[in-house]
PDB file of N, CA and C in Angstrom:
ATOM      1  N   MET A   1       0.853  -1.178   0.000  1.00  0.00           N
ATOM      2  CA  MET A   1       0.000   0.000   0.000  1.00  0.00           C
ATOM      3  C   MET A   1       0.896   1.237   0.000  1.00  0.00           C
ATOM      4  N   SER A   2       0.693   2.074  -0.967  1.00  0.00           N
ATOM      5  CA  SER A   2       1.555   3.233  -1.082  1.00  0.00           C
ATOM      6  C   SER A   2       0.913   4.458  -0.437  1.00  0.00           C
ATOM      7  N   ILE A   3       1.727   5.470  -0.275  1.00  0.00           N
ATOM      8  CA  ILE A   3       1.258   6.721   0.310  1.00  0.00           C
ATOM      9  C   ILE A   3       0.205   7.347  -0.602  1.00  0.00           C
ATOM     10  N   ASP A   4       0.389   7.207  -1.905  1.00  0.00           N
ATOM     11  CA  ASP A   4      -0.569   7.752  -2.868  1.00  0.00           C
ATOM     12  C   ASP A   4      -1.952   7.140  -2.656  1.00  0.00           C
ATOM     13  N   THR A   5      -2.002   5.856  -2.404  1.00  0.00           N
ATOM     14  CA  THR A   5      -3.281   5.183  -2.186  1.00  0.00           C
ATOM     15  C   THR A   5      -3.962   5.704  -0.929  1.00  0.00           C
ATOM     16  N   ILE A   6      -3.191   5.892   0.117  1.00  0.00           N
ATOM     17  CA  ILE A   6      -3.746   6.396   1.372  1.00  0.00           C
ATOM     18  C   ILE A   6      -4.277   7.810   1.189  1.00  0.00           C
ATOM     19  N   ILE A   7      -3.484   8.667   0.546  1.00  0.00           N
ATOM     20  CA  ILE A   7      -3.909  10.051   0.322  1.00  0.00           C
ATOM     21  C   ILE A   7      -5.131  10.086  -0.583  1.00  0.00           C
ATOM     22  N   SER A   8      -5.115   9.284  -1.634  1.00  0.00           N
ATOM     23  CA  SER A   8      -6.245   9.266  -2.571  1.00  0.00           C
ATOM     24  C   SER A   8      -7.530   8.770  -1.920  1.00  0.00           C
ATOM     25  N   SER A   9      -7.408   7.936  -0.908  1.00  0.00           N
ATOM     26  CA  SER A   9      -8.615   7.455  -0.237  1.00  0.00           C
ATOM     27  C   SER A   9      -9.134   8.456   0.800  1.00  0.00           C
ATOM     28  N   LEU A  10      -8.269   9.294   1.330  1.00  0.00           N
ATOM     29  CA  LEU A  10      -8.694  10.260   2.345  1.00  0.00           C
ATOM     30  C   LEU A  10      -9.265  11.545   1.745  1.00  0.00           C
ATOM     31  N   ILE A  11      -8.766  11.955   0.599  1.00  0.00           N
ATOM     32  CA  ILE A  11      -9.158  13.244   0.021  1.00  0.00           C
ATOM     33  C   ILE A  11     -10.659  13.325  -0.294  1.00  0.00           C
ATOM     34  N   PRO A  12     -11.286  12.319  -0.891  1.00  0.00           N
ATOM     35  CA  PRO A  12     -12.733  12.452  -1.134  1.00  0.00           C
ATOM     36  C   PRO A  12     -13.548  12.612   0.155  1.00  0.00           C
ATOM     37  N   ALA A  13     -13.158  11.904   1.192  1.00  0.00           N
ATOM     38  CA  ALA A  13     -13.872  12.025   2.469  1.00  0.00           C
ATOM     39  C   ALA A  13     -13.688  13.415   3.061  1.00  0.00           C
ATOM     40  N   LEU A  14     -12.476  13.942   2.979  1.00  0.00           N
ATOM     41  CA  LEU A  14     -12.229  15.293   3.484  1.00  0.00           C
ATOM     42  C   LEU A  14     -12.987  16.332   2.673  1.00  0.00           C
ATOM     43  N   SER A  15     -12.988  16.193   1.362  1.00  0.00           N
ATOM     44  CA  SER A  15     -13.717  17.133   0.506  1.00  0.00           C
ATOM     45  C   SER A  15     -15.208  17.117   0.815  1.00  0.00           C
ATOM     46  N   LEU A  16     -15.750  15.932   0.976  1.00  0.00           N
ATOM     47  CA  LEU A  16     -17.173  15.801   1.279  1.00  0.00           C
ATOM     48  C   LEU A  16     -17.505  16.425   2.629  1.00  0.00           C
ATOM     49  N   THR A  17     -16.671  16.184   3.620  1.00  0.00           N
ATOM     50  CA  THR A  17     -16.896  16.743   4.953  1.00  0.00           C
ATOM     51  C   THR A  17     -16.824  18.267   4.931  1.00  0.00           C
ATOM     52  N   ILE A  18     -15.846  18.801   4.214  1.00  0.00           N
ATOM     53  CA  ILE A  18     -15.701  20.260   4.135  1.00  0.00           C
ATOM     54  C   ILE A  18     -16.903  20.881   3.427  1.00  0.00           C
ATOM     55  N   MET A  19     -17.308  20.299   2.294  1.00  0.00           N
ATOM     56  CA  MET A  19     -18.442  20.863   1.561  1.00  0.00           C
ATOM     57  C   MET A  19     -19.732  20.733   2.367  1.00  0.00           C
ATOM     58  N   GLN A  20     -19.880  19.649   3.095  1.00  0.00           N
ATOM     59  CA  GLN A  20     -21.057  19.482   3.947  1.00  0.00           C
ATOM     60  C   GLN A  20     -21.075  20.542   5.049  1.00  0.00           C
ATOM     61  N   SER A  21     -19.911  20.839   5.604  1.00  0.00           N
ATOM     62  CA  SER A  21     -19.823  21.886   6.625  1.00  0.00           C
ATOM     63  C   SER A  21     -20.176  23.254   6.052  1.00  0.00           C
ATOM     64  N   VAL A  22     -19.714  23.517   4.832  1.00  0.00           N
ATOM     65  CA  VAL A  22     -20.036  24.793   4.182  1.00  0.00           C
ATOM     66  C   VAL A  22     -21.542  24.922   3.989  1.00  0.00           C
ATOM     67  N   LEU A  23     -22.156  23.873   3.452  1.00  0.00           N
ATOM     68  CA  LEU A  23     -23.595  23.929   3.206  1.00  0.00           C
ATOM     69  C   LEU A  23     -24.392  24.050   4.504  1.00  0.00           C
ATOM     70  N   ASN A  24     -23.987  23.328   5.527  1.00  0.00           N
ATOM     71  CA  ASN A  24     -24.669  23.429   6.821  1.00  0.00           C
ATOM     72  C   ASN A  24     -24.535  24.829   7.405  1.00  0.00           C
ATOM     73  N   LYS A  25     -23.361  25.393   7.297  1.00  0.00           N
ATOM     74  CA  LYS A  25     -23.127  26.736   7.837  1.00  0.00           C
ATOM     75  C   LYS A  25     -23.964  27.768   7.090  1.00  0.00           C
ATOM     76  N   ILE A  26     -24.063  27.615   5.768  1.00  0.00           N
ATOM     77  CA  ILE A  26     -24.867  28.550   4.976  1.00  0.00           C
ATOM     78  C   ILE A  26     -26.350  28.413   5.321  1.00  0.00           C
ATOM     79  N   GLN A  27     -26.813  27.182   5.504  1.00  0.00           N
ATOM     80  CA  GLN A  27     -28.224  26.960   5.802  1.00  0.00           C
ATOM     81  C   GLN A  27     -28.595  27.440   7.205  1.00  0.00           C
ATOM     82  N   ASN A  28     -27.693  27.242   8.157  1.00  0.00           N
ATOM     83  CA  ASN A  28     -28.015  27.582   9.542  1.00  0.00           C
ATOM     84  C   ASN A  28     -27.843  29.062   9.841  1.00  0.00           C
ATOM     85  N   ASP A  29     -26.664  29.568   9.595  1.00  0.00           N
ATOM     86  CA  ASP A  29     -26.440  30.999   9.823  1.00  0.00           C
ATOM     87  C   ASP A  29     -25.277  31.468   8.961  1.00  0.00           C
ATOM     88  N   VAL A  30     -25.433  32.628   8.396  1.00  0.00           N
ATOM     89  CA  VAL A  30     -24.417  33.178   7.516  1.00  0.00           C
ATOM     90  C   VAL A  30     -23.634  34.267   8.253  1.00  0.00           C
ATOM     91  N   ASP A  31     -23.789  34.353   9.557  1.00  0.00           N
ATOM     92  CA  ASP A  31     -23.116  35.387  10.333  1.00  0.00           C
ATOM     93  C   ASP A  31     -21.593  35.258  10.271  1.00  0.00           C
ATOM     94  N   ASP A  32     -21.111  34.041  10.293  1.00  0.00           N
ATOM     95  CA  ASP A  32     -19.667  33.810  10.312  1.00  0.00           C
ATOM     96  C   ASP A  32     -19.160  33.609   8.877  1.00  0.00           C
ATOM     97  N   PHE A  33     -19.111  34.687   8.120  1.00  0.00           N
ATOM     98  CA  PHE A  33     -18.741  34.628   6.711  1.00  0.00           C
ATOM     99  C   PHE A  33     -17.271  34.252   6.524  1.00  0.00           C
ATOM    100  N   LYS A  34     -16.409  34.684   7.445  1.00  0.00           N
ATOM    101  CA  LYS A  34     -14.978  34.354   7.338  1.00  0.00           C
ATOM    102  C   LYS A  34     -14.752  32.851   7.469  1.00  0.00           C
ATOM    103  N   TYR A  35     -15.516  32.202   8.329  1.00  0.00           N
ATOM    104  CA  TYR A  35     -15.387  30.757   8.503  1.00  0.00           C
ATOM    105  C   TYR A  35     -15.794  30.025   7.228  1.00  0.00           C
ATOM    106  N   ILE A  36     -16.860  30.498   6.572  1.00  0.00           N
ATOM    107  CA  ILE A  36     -17.304  29.886   5.315  1.00  0.00           C
ATOM    108  C   ILE A  36     -16.237  30.072   4.243  1.00  0.00           C
ATOM    109  N   LEU A  37     -15.658  31.256   4.175  1.00  0.00           N
ATOM    110  CA  LEU A  37     -14.584  31.500   3.202  1.00  0.00           C
ATOM    111  C   LEU A  37     -13.366  30.624   3.481  1.00  0.00           C
ATOM    112  N   MET A  38     -13.045  30.435   4.759  1.00  0.00           N
ATOM    113  CA  MET A  38     -11.916  29.576   5.115  1.00  0.00           C
ATOM    114  C   MET A  38     -12.185  28.131   4.690  1.00  0.00           C
ATOM    115  N   LEU A  39     -13.414  27.655   4.909  1.00  0.00           N
ATOM    116  CA  LEU A  39     -13.755  26.300   4.487  1.00  0.00           C
ATOM    117  C   LEU A  39     -13.694  26.156   2.969  1.00  0.00           C
ATOM    118  N   LEU A  40     -14.192  27.162   2.267  1.00  0.00           N
ATOM    119  CA  LEU A  40     -14.131  27.118   0.801  1.00  0.00           C
ATOM    120  C   LEU A  40     -12.694  27.156   0.296  1.00  0.00           C
ATOM    121  N   ALA A  41     -11.858  27.968   0.932  1.00  0.00           N
ATOM    122  CA  ALA A  41     -10.441  28.022   0.545  1.00  0.00           C
ATOM    123  C   ALA A  41      -9.769  26.677   0.803  1.00  0.00           C
ATOM    124  N   THR A  42     -10.102  26.043   1.914  1.00  0.00           N
ATOM    125  CA  THR A  42      -9.543  24.723   2.225  1.00  0.00           C
ATOM    126  C   THR A  42      -9.988  23.701   1.184  1.00  0.00           C
ATOM    127  N   TYR A  43     -11.244  23.778   0.801  1.00  0.00           N
ATOM    128  CA  TYR A  43     -11.774  22.869  -0.217  1.00  0.00           C
ATOM    129  C   TYR A  43     -11.042  23.059  -1.548  1.00  0.00           C
ATOM    130  N   ILE A  44     -10.837  24.293  -1.936  1.00  0.00           N
ATOM    131  CA  ILE A  44     -10.140  24.588  -3.194  1.00  0.00           C
ATOM    132  C   ILE A  44      -8.685  24.126  -3.128  1.00  0.00           C
ATOM    133  N   LEU A  45      -8.021  24.389  -1.998  1.00  0.00           N
ATOM    134  CA  LEU A  45      -6.630  23.946  -1.844  1.00  0.00           C
ATOM    135  C   LEU A  45      -6.514  22.431  -1.872  1.00  0.00           C
ATOM    136  N   LEU A  46      -7.483  21.753  -1.291  1.00  0.00           N
ATOM    137  CA  LEU A  46      -7.482  20.295  -1.314  1.00  0.00           C
ATOM    138  C   LEU A  46      -7.636  19.783  -2.745  1.00  0.00           C
ATOM    139  N   ASP A  47      -8.487  20.438  -3.514  1.00  0.00           N
ATOM    140  CA  ASP A  47      -8.663  20.063  -4.914  1.00  0.00           C
ATOM    141  C   ASP A  47      -7.396  20.339  -5.721  1.00  0.00           C
ATOM    142  N   LEU A  48      -6.764  21.482  -5.473  1.00  0.00           N
ATOM    143  CA  LEU A  48      -5.502  21.795  -6.157  1.00  0.00           C
ATOM    144  C   LEU A  48      -4.413  20.791  -5.795  1.00  0.00           C
ATOM    145  N   PHE A  49      -4.368  20.408  -4.533  1.00  0.00           N
ATOM    146  CA  PHE A  49      -3.398  19.410  -4.098  1.00  0.00           C
ATOM    147  C   PHE A  49      -3.610  18.098  -4.844  1.00  0.00           C
ATOM    148  N   THR A  50      -4.861  17.710  -5.013  1.00  0.00           N
ATOM    149  CA  THR A  50      -5.174  16.478  -5.735  1.00  0.00           C
ATOM    150  C   THR A  50      -4.699  16.554  -7.179  1.00  0.00           C
ATOM    151  N   VAL A  51      -4.954  17.674  -7.829  1.00  0.00           N
ATOM    152  CA  VAL A  51      -4.528  17.856  -9.223  1.00  0.00           C
ATOM    153  C   VAL A  51      -3.008  17.826  -9.320  1.00  0.00           C
ATOM    154  N   LEU A  52      -2.327  18.535  -8.420  1.00  0.00           N
ATOM    155  CA  LEU A  52      -0.858  18.542  -8.432  1.00  0.00           C
ATOM    156  C   LEU A  52      -0.284  17.157  -8.175  1.00  0.00           C
ATOM    157  N   LYS A  53      -0.860  16.438  -7.225  1.00  0.00           N
ATOM    158  CA  LYS A  53      -0.395  15.086  -6.912  1.00  0.00           C
ATOM    159  C   LYS A  53      -0.546  14.177  -8.120  1.00  0.00           C
ATOM    160  N   ASP A  54      -1.701  14.244  -8.767  1.00  0.00           N
ATOM    161  CA  ASP A  54      -1.927  13.406  -9.947  1.00  0.00           C
ATOM    162  C   ASP A  54      -0.974  13.763 -11.082  1.00  0.00           C
ATOM    163  N   ASN A  55      -0.736  15.046 -11.286  1.00  0.00           N
ATOM    164  CA  ASN A  55       0.201  15.466 -12.333  1.00  0.00           C
ATOM    165  C   ASN A  55       1.631  15.047 -12.019  1.00  0.00           C
ATOM    166  N   MET A  56       2.033  15.139 -10.773  1.00  0.00           N
ATOM    167  CA  MET A  56       3.384  14.714 -10.395  1.00  0.00           C
ATOM    168  C   MET A  56       3.558  13.216 -10.604  1.00  0.00           C
ATOM    169  N   ILE A  57       2.537  12.445 -10.297  1.00  0.00           N
ATOM    170  CA  ILE A  57       2.603  10.998 -10.523  1.00  0.00           C
ATOM    171  C   ILE A  57       2.685  10.696 -12.015  1.00  0.00           C
ATOM    172  N   ASP A  58       1.925  11.434 -12.827  1.00  0.00           N
ATOM    173  CA  ASP A  58       1.994  11.248 -14.280  1.00  0.00           C
ATOM    174  C   ASP A  58       3.380  11.578 -14.820  1.00  0.00           C
ATOM    175  N   ILE A  59       3.980  12.663 -14.324  1.00  0.00           N
ATOM    176  CA  ILE A  59       5.332  13.041 -14.758  1.00  0.00           C
ATOM    177  C   ILE A  59       6.337  11.970 -14.354  1.00  0.00           C
ATOM    178  N   TYR A  60       6.228  11.482 -13.128  1.00  0.00           N
ATOM    179  CA  TYR A  60       7.133  10.430 -12.645  1.00  0.00           C
ATOM    180  C   TYR A  60       6.993   9.175 -13.508  1.00  0.00           C
ATOM    181  N   ASN A  61       5.753   8.797 -13.806  1.00  0.00           N
ATOM    182  CA  ASN A  61       5.540   7.608 -14.637  1.00  0.00           C
ATOM    183  C   ASN A  61       6.088   7.804 -16.044  1.00  0.00           C
ATOM    184  N   ALA A  62       5.952   8.997 -16.585  1.00  0.00           N
ATOM    185  CA  ALA A  62       6.487   9.273 -17.921  1.00  0.00           C
ATOM    186  C   ALA A  62       8.009   9.185 -17.917  1.00  0.00           C
ATOM    187  N   LYS A  63       8.652   9.719 -16.872  1.00  0.00           N
ATOM    188  CA  LYS A  63      10.113   9.639 -16.783  1.00  0.00           C
ATOM    189  C   LYS A  63      10.577   8.196 -16.691  1.00  0.00           C
ATOM    190  N   ILE A  64       9.906   7.406 -15.879  1.00  0.00           N
ATOM    191  CA  ILE A  64      10.266   5.990 -15.748  1.00  0.00           C
ATOM    192  C   ILE A  64      10.085   5.278 -17.088  1.00  0.00           C
ATOM    193  N   LYS A  65       9.015   5.603 -17.802  1.00  0.00           N
ATOM    194  CA  LYS A  65       8.762   4.991 -19.098  1.00  0.00           C
ATOM    195  C   LYS A  65       9.866   5.341 -20.090  1.00  0.00           C
ATOM    196  N   ILE A  66      10.309   6.596 -20.081  1.00  0.00           N
ATOM    197  CA  ILE A  66      11.393   7.025 -20.975  1.00  0.00           C
ATOM    198  C   ILE A  66      12.692   6.293 -20.633  1.00  0.00           C
ATOM    199  N   ILE A  67      12.994   6.195 -19.367  1.00  0.00           N
ATOM    200  CA  ILE A  67      14.221   5.505 -18.940  1.00  0.00           C
ATOM    201  C   ILE A  67      14.174   4.041 -19.354  1.00  0.00           C
ATOM    202  N   LEU A  68      13.039   3.393 -19.145  1.00  0.00           N
ATOM    203  CA  LEU A  68      12.925   1.986 -19.521  1.00  0.00           C
ATOM    204  C   LEU A  68      13.013   1.805 -21.032  1.00  0.00           C
ATOM    205  N   ASN A  69      12.410   2.717 -21.783  1.00  0.00           N
ATOM    206  CA  ASN A  69      12.492   2.618 -23.246  1.00  0.00           C
ATOM    207  C   ASN A  69      13.938   2.785 -23.733  1.00  0.00           C
ATOM    208  N   ARG A  70      14.697   3.671 -23.111  1.00  0.00           N
ATOM    209  CA  ARG A  70      16.101   3.853 -23.484  1.00  0.00           C
ATOM    210  C   ARG A  70      16.904   2.594 -23.196  1.00  0.00           C
ATOM    211  N   LYS A  71      16.647   1.977 -22.041  1.00  0.00           N
ATOM    212  CA  LYS A  71      17.370   0.753 -21.684  1.00  0.00           C
ATOM    213  C   LYS A  71      17.009  -0.397 -22.627  1.00  0.00           C
ATOM    214  N   ILE A  72      15.743  -0.464 -23.024  1.00  0.00           N
ATOM    215  CA  ILE A  72      15.321  -1.515 -23.939  1.00  0.00           C
ATOM    216  C   ILE A  72      15.951  -1.307 -25.313  1.00  0.00           C
ATOM    217  N   LYS A  73      16.054  -0.066 -25.782  1.00  0.00           N
ATOM    218  CA  LYS A  73      16.645   0.217 -27.097  1.00  0.00           C
ATOM    219  C   LYS A  73      18.132  -0.094 -27.130  1.00  0.00           C
ATOM    220  N   LYS A  74      18.817  -0.017 -25.975  1.00  0.00           N
ATOM    221  CA  LYS A  74      20.244  -0.330 -25.929  1.00  0.00           C
ATOM    222  C   LYS A  74      20.496  -1.813 -26.189  1.00  0.00           C
ATOM    223  N   PHE A  75      19.547  -2.645 -25.871  1.00  0.00           N
ATOM    224  CA  PHE A  75      19.733  -4.077 -26.074  1.00  0.00           C
ATOM    225  C   PHE A  75      19.468  -4.408 -27.460  1.00  0.00           C
TER     226      PHE A  75
END
């Protein structure tokens, strides 16, 4: 089990919890607008983190593929 698998399994639950908190806060009282903005910023940052993580994994896999292709061509 890799770290990527653990992170990928936790992020949807965290995103859902954050969005549920935002919706509950909006429905109950909108007095604490800064808290809602903080939750939304956290949600956006979590989504950006997911995109960056996926892109970094794709880049790593592409580099490994290039290295393996070079080694195969040498033979």
